[in-house]
Amino acid sequence: MRTEMEPLQDAEKPSDTQVIPTAIVENVLVDLAVELGRMNMRIRDIKSLRQGEVISLQRPVGDPLDIRINGRIVAKGEVVATEGRQYGIRITEIVTRESGPGSA
């Protein structure tokens, strides 16, 4: 059975300026990661690591850390000590789309 539907007369097209209400997305889980540094190592070198050894990362001390949400850099921060001998990150800069990597 085939049904013909009439086109909507007063339907509004979504535009780039429309905003999704925050209540809709507030409880969406995302992956938040803080990148301390990176390095390349051969598997044989990884296998030879022992407890107490230090791995030197390719990032200078005091350099801001990248804060990523779902792989995209959204902020920069610095390591801080919190209560109970734990670490945290103090956000020092919010990275906007215009100022982030890949912007022209």
N, C-alpha and C. Protein backbone atom coordinates (compact mmCIF):
# COMPACT_ATOMS: atom_id res chain seq x y z
N MET A 1 0.84 -1.17 0.00
CA MET A 1 0.00 0.00 0.00
C MET A 1 0.89 1.24 0.00
N ARG A 2 0.64 2.14 -0.88
CA ARG A 2 1.45 3.35 -1.03
C ARG A 2 0.66 4.54 -0.49
N THR A 3 1.35 5.35 0.34
CA THR A 3 0.70 6.51 0.93
C THR A 3 1.39 7.77 0.46
N GLU A 4 0.63 8.73 0.01
CA GLU A 4 1.17 10.02 -0.39
C GLU A 4 1.11 10.96 0.81
N MET A 5 2.20 11.68 1.04
CA MET A 5 2.23 12.63 2.14
C MET A 5 2.37 14.04 1.59
N GLU A 6 1.67 14.95 2.21
CA GLU A 6 1.76 16.34 1.80
C GLU A 6 3.01 16.97 2.41
N PRO A 7 3.67 17.86 1.67
CA PRO A 7 4.85 18.53 2.25
C PRO A 7 4.42 19.46 3.39
N LEU A 8 5.28 19.60 4.37
CA LEU A 8 5.01 20.50 5.48
C LEU A 8 5.09 21.94 4.99
N GLN A 9 4.10 22.71 5.32
CA GLN A 9 4.05 24.09 4.85
C GLN A 9 4.92 25.03 5.68
N ASP A 10 4.82 24.92 7.00
CA ASP A 10 5.48 25.89 7.87
C ASP A 10 6.72 25.32 8.56
N ALA A 11 7.32 24.30 7.97
CA ALA A 11 8.49 23.68 8.61
C ALA A 11 9.68 24.62 8.49
N GLU A 12 10.37 24.78 9.61
CA GLU A 12 11.56 25.62 9.64
C GLU A 12 12.78 24.78 9.33
N LYS A 13 13.66 25.28 8.48
CA LYS A 13 14.91 24.58 8.22
C LYS A 13 15.88 24.91 9.35
N PRO A 14 16.61 23.89 9.84
CA PRO A 14 17.61 24.19 10.87
C PRO A 14 18.71 25.07 10.29
N SER A 15 19.19 25.98 11.09
CA SER A 15 20.27 26.86 10.64
C SER A 15 21.46 26.71 11.57
N ASP A 16 22.59 27.24 11.14
CA ASP A 16 23.81 27.17 11.95
C ASP A 16 23.68 27.97 13.24
N THR A 17 22.73 28.89 13.29
CA THR A 17 22.61 29.74 14.46
C THR A 17 21.69 29.13 15.54
N GLN A 18 21.00 28.04 15.20
CA GLN A 18 20.16 27.41 16.21
C GLN A 18 21.03 26.69 17.22
N VAL A 19 20.60 26.75 18.47
CA VAL A 19 21.39 26.17 19.56
C VAL A 19 20.65 24.98 20.14
N ILE A 20 21.38 23.90 20.37
CA ILE A 20 20.80 22.73 21.03
C ILE A 20 20.72 23.04 22.51
N PRO A 21 19.57 22.84 23.13
CA PRO A 21 19.45 23.11 24.58
C PRO A 21 20.44 22.25 25.37
N THR A 22 21.10 22.86 26.33
CA THR A 22 22.11 22.15 27.13
C THR A 22 21.55 20.93 27.83
N ALA A 23 20.32 20.96 28.24
CA ALA A 23 19.73 19.83 28.96
C ALA A 23 19.76 18.56 28.12
N ILE A 24 19.76 18.70 26.80
CA ILE A 24 19.78 17.52 25.93
C ILE A 24 21.14 16.83 25.95
N VAL A 25 22.22 17.60 26.05
CA VAL A 25 23.56 17.02 25.94
C VAL A 25 24.33 16.94 27.25
N GLU A 26 23.79 17.48 28.33
CA GLU A 26 24.54 17.52 29.60
C GLU A 26 24.96 16.15 30.12
N ASN A 27 24.20 15.11 29.87
CA ASN A 27 24.51 13.79 30.43
C ASN A 27 25.18 12.86 29.42
N VAL A 28 25.63 13.39 28.29
CA VAL A 28 26.33 12.58 27.31
C VAL A 28 27.75 12.33 27.81
N LEU A 29 28.17 11.06 27.83
CA LEU A 29 29.52 10.72 28.27
C LEU A 29 30.51 10.97 27.15
N VAL A 30 31.65 11.57 27.48
CA VAL A 30 32.73 11.79 26.52
C VAL A 30 34.02 11.28 27.14
N ASP A 31 35.02 11.06 26.32
CA ASP A 31 36.32 10.61 26.78
C ASP A 31 37.21 11.83 26.99
N LEU A 32 37.56 12.12 28.24
CA LEU A 32 38.45 13.24 28.56
C LEU A 32 39.82 12.67 28.87
N ALA A 33 40.84 13.18 28.19
CA ALA A 33 42.20 12.70 28.40
C ALA A 33 43.15 13.88 28.52
N VAL A 34 44.14 13.74 29.38
CA VAL A 34 45.19 14.74 29.52
C VAL A 34 46.47 14.11 29.03
N GLU A 35 47.08 14.74 28.05
CA GLU A 35 48.28 14.19 27.46
C GLU A 35 49.51 14.81 28.09
N LEU A 36 50.25 14.00 28.84
CA LEU A 36 51.47 14.45 29.50
C LEU A 36 52.62 14.52 28.51
N GLY A 37 52.67 13.59 27.58
CA GLY A 37 53.73 13.58 26.59
C GLY A 37 53.68 12.30 25.78
N ARG A 38 54.53 12.22 24.77
CA ARG A 38 54.59 11.05 23.91
C ARG A 38 56.04 10.73 23.59
N MET A 39 56.26 9.51 23.19
CA MET A 39 57.57 9.13 22.67
C MET A 39 57.43 7.85 21.89
N ASN A 40 58.38 7.60 21.03
CA ASN A 40 58.42 6.35 20.27
C ASN A 40 59.48 5.46 20.90
N MET A 41 59.13 4.19 21.08
CA MET A 41 60.09 3.23 21.63
C MET A 41 59.97 1.92 20.86
N ARG A 42 61.09 1.26 20.72
CA ARG A 42 61.09 -0.08 20.13
C ARG A 42 60.57 -1.07 21.17
N ILE A 43 59.93 -2.11 20.70
CA ILE A 43 59.39 -3.12 21.61
C ILE A 43 60.49 -3.72 22.47
N ARG A 44 61.67 -3.95 21.91
CA ARG A 44 62.76 -4.52 22.70
C ARG A 44 63.15 -3.60 23.86
N ASP A 45 63.05 -2.25 23.64
CA ASP A 45 63.37 -1.31 24.71
C ASP A 45 62.27 -1.31 25.77
N ILE A 46 61.03 -1.45 25.35
CA ILE A 46 59.92 -1.53 26.30
C ILE A 46 60.03 -2.79 27.14
N LYS A 47 60.40 -3.89 26.51
CA LYS A 47 60.55 -5.16 27.23
C LYS A 47 61.66 -5.10 28.28
N SER A 48 62.65 -4.23 28.06
CA SER A 48 63.77 -4.17 28.99
C SER A 48 63.53 -3.20 30.16
N LEU A 49 62.39 -2.49 30.15
CA LEU A 49 62.09 -1.55 31.24
C LEU A 49 61.96 -2.29 32.56
N ARG A 50 62.43 -1.65 33.62
CA ARG A 50 62.34 -2.21 34.98
C ARG A 50 61.70 -1.18 35.89
N GLN A 51 61.19 -1.64 37.01
CA GLN A 51 60.59 -0.74 38.00
C GLN A 51 61.61 0.31 38.42
N GLY A 52 61.17 1.56 38.48
CA GLY A 52 62.03 2.65 38.91
C GLY A 52 62.70 3.40 37.78
N GLU A 53 62.66 2.83 36.56
CA GLU A 53 63.27 3.53 35.43
C GLU A 53 62.42 4.72 35.04
N VAL A 54 63.08 5.72 34.47
CA VAL A 54 62.39 6.94 34.03
C VAL A 54 62.35 6.95 32.51
N ILE A 55 61.17 7.22 31.96
CA ILE A 55 61.01 7.35 30.52
C ILE A 55 60.93 8.84 30.22
N SER A 56 61.84 9.34 29.42
CA SER A 56 61.88 10.76 29.09
C SER A 56 60.88 11.03 27.96
N LEU A 57 59.97 11.95 28.22
CA LEU A 57 58.94 12.29 27.24
C LEU A 57 59.40 13.47 26.39
N GLN A 58 58.84 13.59 25.22
CA GLN A 58 59.22 14.66 24.29
C GLN A 58 58.42 15.93 24.58
N ARG A 59 58.52 16.40 25.82
CA ARG A 59 57.82 17.62 26.21
C ARG A 59 58.61 18.28 27.32
N PRO A 60 58.92 19.57 27.19
CA PRO A 60 59.70 20.25 28.22
C PRO A 60 58.92 20.38 29.53
N VAL A 61 59.65 20.37 30.64
CA VAL A 61 59.03 20.60 31.96
C VAL A 61 58.39 21.98 31.96
N GLY A 62 57.19 22.08 32.47
CA GLY A 62 56.48 23.35 32.54
C GLY A 62 55.66 23.67 31.31
N ASP A 63 55.81 22.86 30.25
CA ASP A 63 55.01 23.06 29.04
C ASP A 63 53.55 22.74 29.37
N PRO A 64 52.59 23.52 28.87
CA PRO A 64 51.18 23.22 29.14
C PRO A 64 50.79 21.85 28.60
N LEU A 65 49.93 21.15 29.32
CA LEU A 65 49.46 19.84 28.91
C LEU A 65 48.22 19.98 28.05
N ASP A 66 48.06 19.09 27.09
CA ASP A 66 46.88 19.09 26.23
C ASP A 66 45.73 18.37 26.93
N ILE A 67 44.56 19.01 26.95
CA ILE A 67 43.35 18.39 27.49
C ILE A 67 42.46 18.10 26.29
N ARG A 68 42.15 16.83 26.10
CA ARG A 68 41.39 16.42 24.91
C ARG A 68 40.04 15.84 25.31
N ILE A 69 39.05 16.14 24.50
CA ILE A 69 37.74 15.50 24.63
C ILE A 69 37.50 14.78 23.31
N ASN A 70 37.33 13.45 23.42
CA ASN A 70 37.15 12.60 22.24
C ASN A 70 38.23 12.84 21.20
N GLY A 71 39.47 13.01 21.67
CA GLY A 71 40.62 13.15 20.78
C GLY A 71 40.91 14.56 20.30
N ARG A 72 40.03 15.51 20.56
CA ARG A 72 40.23 16.88 20.09
C ARG A 72 40.71 17.77 21.23
N ILE A 73 41.78 18.54 21.00
CA ILE A 73 42.29 19.44 22.04
C ILE A 73 41.27 20.54 22.29
N VAL A 74 40.83 20.65 23.55
CA VAL A 74 39.84 21.67 23.91
C VAL A 74 40.40 22.68 24.90
N ALA A 75 41.53 22.33 25.55
CA ALA A 75 42.10 23.23 26.55
C ALA A 75 43.56 22.86 26.78
N LYS A 76 44.25 23.75 27.49
CA LYS A 76 45.62 23.51 27.95
C LYS A 76 45.58 23.63 29.46
N GLY A 77 46.50 22.97 30.14
CA GLY A 77 46.50 23.03 31.59
C GLY A 77 47.85 22.69 32.17
N GLU A 78 47.90 22.75 33.51
CA GLU A 78 49.14 22.43 34.22
C GLU A 78 48.81 21.47 35.36
N VAL A 79 49.77 20.64 35.70
CA VAL A 79 49.59 19.66 36.77
C VAL A 79 49.60 20.37 38.11
N VAL A 80 48.67 19.99 38.99
CA VAL A 80 48.64 20.51 40.36
C VAL A 80 48.44 19.33 41.30
N ALA A 81 48.93 19.49 42.53
CA ALA A 81 48.73 18.46 43.56
C ALA A 81 47.39 18.75 44.25
N THR A 82 46.64 17.70 44.52
CA THR A 82 45.37 17.83 45.23
C THR A 82 45.49 17.09 46.55
N GLU A 83 44.43 17.09 47.31
CA GLU A 83 44.45 16.40 48.60
C GLU A 83 44.64 14.90 48.40
N GLY A 84 45.22 14.25 49.38
CA GLY A 84 45.38 12.80 49.33
C GLY A 84 46.43 12.31 48.37
N ARG A 85 47.46 13.10 48.14
CA ARG A 85 48.58 12.72 47.26
C ARG A 85 48.11 12.35 45.86
N GLN A 86 47.16 13.07 45.35
CA GLN A 86 46.67 12.86 43.99
C GLN A 86 47.03 14.07 43.15
N TYR A 87 46.89 13.92 41.85
CA TYR A 87 47.18 15.00 40.93
C TYR A 87 45.91 15.47 40.26
N GLY A 88 45.92 16.70 39.81
CA GLY A 88 44.83 17.26 39.04
C GLY A 88 45.40 18.15 37.96
N ILE A 89 44.53 18.74 37.18
CA ILE A 89 44.93 19.65 36.12
C ILE A 89 44.22 20.98 36.32
N ARG A 90 44.99 22.06 36.34
CA ARG A 90 44.42 23.41 36.37
C ARG A 90 44.34 23.88 34.93
N ILE A 91 43.14 24.24 34.49
CA ILE A 91 42.96 24.71 33.12
C ILE A 91 43.51 26.13 33.02
N THR A 92 44.42 26.32 32.08
CA THR A 92 45.05 27.64 31.90
C THR A 92 44.61 28.33 30.62
N GLU A 93 44.04 27.56 29.70
CA GLU A 93 43.62 28.13 28.42
C GLU A 93 42.54 27.26 27.79
N ILE A 94 41.50 27.88 27.29
CA ILE A 94 40.48 27.17 26.51
C ILE A 94 40.84 27.36 25.05
N VAL A 95 40.92 26.26 24.32
CA VAL A 95 41.29 26.32 22.91
C VAL A 95 40.01 26.43 22.09
N THR A 96 39.87 27.52 21.37
CA THR A 96 38.70 27.72 20.52
C THR A 96 38.97 27.11 19.15
N ARG A 97 37.93 26.93 18.40
CA ARG A 97 38.07 26.36 17.05
C ARG A 97 39.02 27.20 16.22
N GLU A 98 38.93 28.53 16.36
CA GLU A 98 39.78 29.42 15.58
C GLU A 98 41.24 29.36 15.98
N SER A 99 41.52 29.17 17.29
CA SER A 99 42.90 29.19 17.75
C SER A 99 43.51 27.80 17.86
N GLY A 100 42.72 26.76 17.62
CA GLY A 100 43.20 25.40 17.79
C GLY A 100 44.00 24.91 16.60
N PRO A 101 44.53 23.68 16.74
CA PRO A 101 45.32 23.09 15.66
C PRO A 101 44.48 22.96 14.39
N GLY A 102 45.09 23.24 13.26
CA GLY A 102 44.42 23.11 11.99
C GLY A 102 43.64 24.34 11.58
N SER A 103 43.68 25.40 12.42
CA SER A 103 42.97 26.62 12.05
C SER A 103 43.83 27.46 11.13
N ALA A 104 43.19 28.22 10.28
CA ALA A 104 43.95 29.04 9.34
C ALA A 104 43.80 30.50 9.66
